[in-house]
Amino acid sequence: MPERALDKPRRIALAGTLVVAAVALAACGAAEGGPQTGGSPDVTGDAFPVTIEHKYGTTEVGAPPERVLSLGFNEQDFALALGVRPIAVREWMGERPSATWPWAQDELGDAEPEVLPAGELNCEQIAALRPDLILATYAGITESDYEKLSRIAPTVAQTDEYVDYGMPWQEQTLMIGRALGRESEAERLVAEIERQFERARQEHPEFGRAVAIAAYQEESGSIGAYSSQDPRGRFLASLGFRAPAEIDDLAGDQFFTRVSGEQLRLIDEDVLVMVDIGEIAASRDELLGDPLYRRPDVVRDGADVYPDEEVAAALSFSTPLSLPLAIEELVPELAAAVEATSGAGAGDAE
């Protein structure tokens, strides 16, 4: 899963060696049955073949895929938004049925995709599902992982322009739409969501004058912050907020950075959004019981935002299906936070 990703940090790795991969390929040819979801019934072959450029080269999809496997942690939402039900999805957070949150349930319908565990990947398990397309744009796979997966089915990886787990949702949508033969629908989705962001910016020009940080609580109780390349950071930027350069400098080629008690000034900006889900999530009242959390002015001023679990997950997924919920729920809270920090500043000036 993403190294920070609201759970314990760890790298994604494919289980086993090349020998295991060979066994997996054999299983791919022999497997019978399996989930009957997936497919692009209303897509003709006229759009194919398509060639997708990504971090590890190019992938050609020769025909409309019928058994799409969502390997990354949010790709199922993109496929579902484009009318494709994956045969398998990846567990990430929340342990929801079919690893699917409420915002995507209508698109999933009565399909019951296989749920792959969030830990190490198993080539044999993946091959046994007989995918004809593997989506791995938010999977953080290595080149070695890609080579193994490509022996099972055409695999679409992330681009090389961003840190792992940092590819913008717009580019994910367009890349996945192209791979599925639904490029025009992908363009429509991007335009629709971008209009929602534009409307929010127009209604709240004060966002453009504020600095906002998305942060999280570590299992140890310490605080960390997401960089501007993380989907949560990109969400705030899309609303007009500015991001502190120091956080990006500390994050380097990661999408997050841990903040020590001595570095709390780094998150003490105009607005703080705490994005926590699962066992380590606490209510704001619980966090306020922690002297470390109470220390920054942004918290004392009441300019911290603490979304509930579903909204926090929608923000973390940052997909065409989850973003409308995140925008609807968070914009009013962010506006109140900006007002709180502005009021505190005015009070200080008197």
Foldseek 3Di string as FASTA:
>chain_A
DAQPQQDHGDAEAAPDDVVQLVLLQVLLVVADDAFQFWWDVPFAQPLDFDWFQAAQGIFTQGGQWGAEEEQAAQLQQLCLLLLTHHQEHEARADPDQSNDDPLRDVSNDPGRHHYHYNHYHRSNVVSSNNGQEYEAAQHNDDNVRCVSVVSRHGYDYHHPPAFRQLDAQLVSNQRVCSSNNNNVSSVVLVVVLLVLLVVLCVVCVVQQVWAEWEKEADPVRFIKTFACSHLLNVLSVSNNHDYDVVQCVQQPSGGMHTADLVRVVNRQIQAYEYQHHDPSDDDVVVNCVDPSSCPRVLVVLVLYHYDDHLLSVLSNSNHSSSSVVVSVPCSVSNSVSNVSSVVVVVVVVD
